[in-house]
Amino acid sequence: MLSIKQPIPGRFFILRLNDWTVPYDGGSCDDLLEDEYGGNRFLIPVACTISTDDAVRVLSHFVSCRELWPGVPWQSWSDLPLPTDYPHEG
């Protein structure tokens, strides 16, 4: 299952829910966008957003092949270089 957010115009955040895999361009995760997830505040690294065109490709590929489109790099959320002050639950 995929979760899709558009935190800013023209940029999408896609999360594969079963393993928390996200697009990641390899850049810094210091630049964050504030959004909500499940009614709670959620900070999305800009480095984990993709263009509208890439989002369409990701979704089309996922629907037809049931796998992540290899045209963007993917990373486990737990392996992202999040800032040390990134809010963690628990």
N, C-alpha and C. Protein backbone atom coordinates (compact mmCIF):
# COMPACT_ATOMS: atom_id res chain seq x y z
N MET A 1 0.83 -1.17 0.00
CA MET A 1 0.00 0.00 0.00
C MET A 1 0.88 1.25 0.00
N LEU A 2 0.46 2.26 -0.75
CA LEU A 2 1.16 3.53 -0.80
C LEU A 2 0.33 4.63 -0.16
N SER A 3 1.02 5.53 0.52
CA SER A 3 0.41 6.75 1.02
C SER A 3 0.99 7.89 0.19
N ILE A 4 0.12 8.80 -0.24
CA ILE A 4 0.55 9.89 -1.11
C ILE A 4 0.14 11.21 -0.49
N LYS A 5 1.09 12.13 -0.39
CA LYS A 5 0.85 13.47 0.13
C LYS A 5 1.40 14.48 -0.88
N GLN A 6 0.80 15.66 -0.92
CA GLN A 6 1.33 16.77 -1.70
C GLN A 6 1.56 17.93 -0.73
N PRO A 7 2.72 17.95 -0.06
CA PRO A 7 2.96 18.97 0.96
C PRO A 7 3.12 20.38 0.40
N ILE A 8 3.55 20.48 -0.85
CA ILE A 8 3.65 21.77 -1.53
C ILE A 8 3.29 21.55 -3.00
N PRO A 9 2.83 22.58 -3.68
CA PRO A 9 2.46 22.42 -5.10
C PRO A 9 3.63 21.86 -5.92
N GLY A 10 3.33 20.87 -6.73
CA GLY A 10 4.31 20.31 -7.65
C GLY A 10 5.27 19.29 -7.05
N ARG A 11 5.15 19.01 -5.75
CA ARG A 11 6.04 18.03 -5.10
C ARG A 11 5.19 17.03 -4.31
N PHE A 12 5.54 15.76 -4.42
CA PHE A 12 4.79 14.71 -3.77
C PHE A 12 5.69 13.89 -2.85
N PHE A 13 5.11 13.42 -1.77
CA PHE A 13 5.76 12.52 -0.83
C PHE A 13 5.00 11.21 -0.90
N ILE A 14 5.69 10.13 -1.22
CA ILE A 14 5.06 8.82 -1.33
C ILE A 14 5.73 7.89 -0.33
N LEU A 15 4.91 7.20 0.43
CA LEU A 15 5.39 6.30 1.46
C LEU A 15 4.80 4.92 1.23
N ARG A 16 5.68 3.91 1.10
CA ARG A 16 5.19 2.53 1.04
C ARG A 16 5.00 2.10 2.49
N LEU A 17 3.77 1.85 2.84
CA LEU A 17 3.40 1.66 4.24
C LEU A 17 3.93 0.39 4.89
N ASN A 18 4.03 -0.70 4.14
CA ASN A 18 4.41 -1.95 4.78
C ASN A 18 5.84 -1.93 5.32
N ASP A 19 6.71 -1.10 4.75
CA ASP A 19 8.10 -1.06 5.24
C ASP A 19 8.66 0.36 5.37
N TRP A 20 7.82 1.35 5.28
CA TRP A 20 8.20 2.76 5.40
C TRP A 20 9.37 3.10 4.47
N THR A 21 9.19 2.80 3.19
CA THR A 21 10.16 3.15 2.16
C THR A 21 9.68 4.42 1.47
N VAL A 22 10.62 5.35 1.24
CA VAL A 22 10.28 6.64 0.63
C VAL A 22 11.27 6.98 -0.48
N PRO A 23 10.88 7.84 -1.42
CA PRO A 23 11.86 8.35 -2.37
C PRO A 23 12.88 9.19 -1.60
N TYR A 24 14.13 9.12 -2.02
CA TYR A 24 15.16 9.91 -1.34
C TYR A 24 16.25 10.24 -2.34
N ASP A 25 16.48 11.55 -2.54
CA ASP A 25 17.46 11.97 -3.55
C ASP A 25 18.91 11.97 -3.06
N GLY A 26 19.14 11.55 -1.82
CA GLY A 26 20.50 11.48 -1.29
C GLY A 26 21.00 12.76 -0.66
N GLY A 27 20.18 13.80 -0.68
CA GLY A 27 20.58 15.09 -0.13
C GLY A 27 20.33 15.19 1.36
N SER A 28 20.55 16.38 1.86
CA SER A 28 20.33 16.67 3.27
C SER A 28 18.85 16.56 3.62
N CYS A 29 18.57 16.08 4.80
CA CYS A 29 17.19 16.01 5.29
C CYS A 29 16.89 17.15 6.27
N ASP A 30 17.72 18.20 6.24
CA ASP A 30 17.53 19.32 7.15
C ASP A 30 16.38 20.24 6.75
N ASP A 31 16.09 20.33 5.44
CA ASP A 31 15.01 21.17 4.96
C ASP A 31 13.71 20.37 5.05
N LEU A 32 12.82 20.79 5.95
CA LEU A 32 11.61 20.02 6.25
C LEU A 32 10.34 20.80 5.90
N LEU A 33 9.33 20.06 5.45
CA LEU A 33 8.01 20.62 5.17
C LEU A 33 7.05 20.10 6.23
N GLU A 34 6.27 20.99 6.80
CA GLU A 34 5.31 20.57 7.80
C GLU A 34 4.00 20.16 7.14
N ASP A 35 3.51 19.00 7.52
CA ASP A 35 2.26 18.48 6.99
C ASP A 35 1.58 17.72 8.12
N GLU A 36 0.62 16.90 7.81
CA GLU A 36 -0.01 16.06 8.82
C GLU A 36 -0.12 14.66 8.27
N TYR A 37 -0.13 13.71 9.18
CA TYR A 37 -0.29 12.32 8.79
C TYR A 37 -1.17 11.67 9.86
N GLY A 38 -2.32 11.19 9.45
CA GLY A 38 -3.25 10.60 10.41
C GLY A 38 -3.73 11.59 11.46
N GLY A 39 -3.78 12.87 11.09
CA GLY A 39 -4.22 13.90 12.01
C GLY A 39 -3.13 14.44 12.92
N ASN A 40 -1.93 13.89 12.81
CA ASN A 40 -0.80 14.35 13.63
C ASN A 40 0.20 15.12 12.78
N ARG A 41 0.89 16.04 13.40
CA ARG A 41 1.95 16.81 12.73
C ARG A 41 3.01 15.84 12.22
N PHE A 42 3.45 16.07 10.98
CA PHE A 42 4.47 15.21 10.37
C PHE A 42 5.40 16.10 9.55
N LEU A 43 6.69 15.94 9.73
CA LEU A 43 7.70 16.71 9.01
C LEU A 43 8.29 15.85 7.90
N ILE A 44 8.22 16.36 6.68
CA ILE A 44 8.68 15.64 5.50
C ILE A 44 9.95 16.29 4.98
N PRO A 45 11.05 15.54 4.88
CA PRO A 45 12.25 16.11 4.27
C PRO A 45 12.00 16.42 2.79
N VAL A 46 12.41 17.61 2.36
CA VAL A 46 12.27 17.98 0.95
C VAL A 46 12.99 16.96 0.08
N ALA A 47 14.09 16.41 0.57
CA ALA A 47 14.86 15.40 -0.17
C ALA A 47 14.06 14.13 -0.42
N CYS A 48 12.91 14.00 0.21
CA CYS A 48 12.05 12.82 0.04
C CYS A 48 10.81 13.14 -0.78
N THR A 49 10.81 14.27 -1.48
CA THR A 49 9.69 14.61 -2.35
C THR A 49 10.12 14.44 -3.80
N ILE A 50 9.14 14.19 -4.65
CA ILE A 50 9.40 14.01 -6.07
C ILE A 50 8.45 14.87 -6.88
N SER A 51 8.81 15.07 -8.13
CA SER A 51 8.01 15.90 -9.02
C SER A 51 6.68 15.23 -9.34
N THR A 52 5.76 16.01 -9.90
CA THR A 52 4.47 15.48 -10.32
C THR A 52 4.65 14.38 -11.36
N ASP A 53 5.52 14.61 -12.35
CA ASP A 53 5.75 13.60 -13.39
C ASP A 53 6.26 12.30 -12.80
N ASP A 54 7.22 12.38 -11.88
CA ASP A 54 7.74 11.17 -11.25
C ASP A 54 6.68 10.50 -10.39
N ALA A 55 5.86 11.29 -9.71
CA ALA A 55 4.79 10.71 -8.89
C ALA A 55 3.81 9.92 -9.75
N VAL A 56 3.47 10.45 -10.91
CA VAL A 56 2.58 9.73 -11.83
C VAL A 56 3.23 8.42 -12.28
N ARG A 57 4.53 8.47 -12.57
CA ARG A 57 5.24 7.25 -12.98
C ARG A 57 5.27 6.22 -11.84
N VAL A 58 5.54 6.68 -10.63
CA VAL A 58 5.56 5.79 -9.47
C VAL A 58 4.21 5.10 -9.31
N LEU A 59 3.15 5.89 -9.34
CA LEU A 59 1.81 5.34 -9.13
C LEU A 59 1.39 4.41 -10.27
N SER A 60 1.66 4.79 -11.50
CA SER A 60 1.30 3.94 -12.65
C SER A 60 2.04 2.61 -12.59
N HIS A 61 3.33 2.67 -12.27
CA HIS A 61 4.13 1.45 -12.18
C HIS A 61 3.64 0.57 -11.03
N PHE A 62 3.33 1.19 -9.90
CA PHE A 62 2.87 0.43 -8.74
C PHE A 62 1.54 -0.28 -9.03
N VAL A 63 0.64 0.43 -9.69
CA VAL A 63 -0.66 -0.16 -10.01
C VAL A 63 -0.51 -1.32 -10.99
N SER A 64 0.36 -1.17 -11.97
CA SER A 64 0.49 -2.22 -12.99
C SER A 64 1.43 -3.35 -12.58
N CYS A 65 2.47 -3.06 -11.78
CA CYS A 65 3.47 -4.08 -11.46
C CYS A 65 3.52 -4.48 -9.99
N ARG A 66 2.84 -3.71 -9.14
CA ARG A 66 2.84 -3.96 -7.69
C ARG A 66 4.24 -3.88 -7.08
N GLU A 67 5.03 -2.98 -7.62
CA GLU A 67 6.35 -2.74 -7.07
C GLU A 67 6.73 -1.28 -7.28
N LEU A 68 7.75 -0.82 -6.57
CA LEU A 68 8.18 0.57 -6.66
C LEU A 68 8.88 0.82 -7.99
N TRP A 69 8.58 1.96 -8.58
CA TRP A 69 9.20 2.34 -9.85
C TRP A 69 10.69 2.57 -9.62
N PRO A 70 11.57 1.93 -10.41
CA PRO A 70 13.01 2.08 -10.21
C PRO A 70 13.58 3.39 -10.74
N GLY A 71 12.75 4.26 -11.28
CA GLY A 71 13.22 5.53 -11.84
C GLY A 71 13.57 6.58 -10.80
N VAL A 72 13.21 6.33 -9.54
CA VAL A 72 13.63 7.21 -8.45
C VAL A 72 14.31 6.34 -7.40
N PRO A 73 15.29 6.89 -6.67
CA PRO A 73 15.93 6.11 -5.61
C PRO A 73 15.01 6.01 -4.39
N TRP A 74 15.01 4.86 -3.73
CA TRP A 74 14.17 4.60 -2.57
C TRP A 74 15.04 4.31 -1.36
N GLN A 75 14.55 4.69 -0.19
CA GLN A 75 15.30 4.51 1.05
C GLN A 75 14.33 4.16 2.17
N SER A 76 14.78 3.34 3.09
CA SER A 76 14.00 3.07 4.28
C SER A 76 13.98 4.32 5.16
N TRP A 77 12.81 4.67 5.68
CA TRP A 77 12.70 5.85 6.55
C TRP A 77 13.71 5.79 7.69
N SER A 78 13.91 4.62 8.25
CA SER A 78 14.82 4.47 9.40
C SER A 78 16.28 4.71 9.03
N ASP A 79 16.61 4.70 7.74
CA ASP A 79 17.99 4.93 7.30
C ASP A 79 18.24 6.35 6.80
N LEU A 80 17.21 7.21 6.85
CA LEU A 80 17.39 8.60 6.42
C LEU A 80 18.27 9.36 7.40
N PRO A 81 19.09 10.27 6.91
CA PRO A 81 19.90 11.10 7.82
C PRO A 81 19.08 12.27 8.38
N LEU A 82 18.09 11.94 9.19
CA LEU A 82 17.23 12.98 9.77
C LEU A 82 18.01 13.83 10.76
N PRO A 83 17.66 15.10 10.91
CA PRO A 83 18.34 15.97 11.87
C PRO A 83 18.24 15.40 13.28
N THR A 84 19.23 15.67 14.10
CA THR A 84 19.23 15.15 15.47
C THR A 84 18.04 15.65 16.28
N ASP A 85 17.51 16.82 15.92
CA ASP A 85 16.36 17.35 16.65
C ASP A 85 15.03 16.98 15.99
N TYR A 86 15.04 16.05 15.03
CA TYR A 86 13.81 15.61 14.40
C TYR A 86 12.93 14.97 15.46
N PRO A 87 11.66 15.39 15.52
CA PRO A 87 10.78 14.84 16.57
C PRO A 87 10.45 13.37 16.33
N HIS A 88 10.72 12.54 17.32
CA HIS A 88 10.41 11.12 17.26
C HIS A 88 9.37 10.81 18.32
N GLU A 89 8.43 10.00 17.96
CA GLU A 89 7.39 9.59 18.92
C GLU A 89 7.94 8.52 19.85
N GLY A 90 7.36 8.43 21.01
CA GLY A 90 7.67 7.33 21.90
C GLY A 90 8.66 7.68 22.94
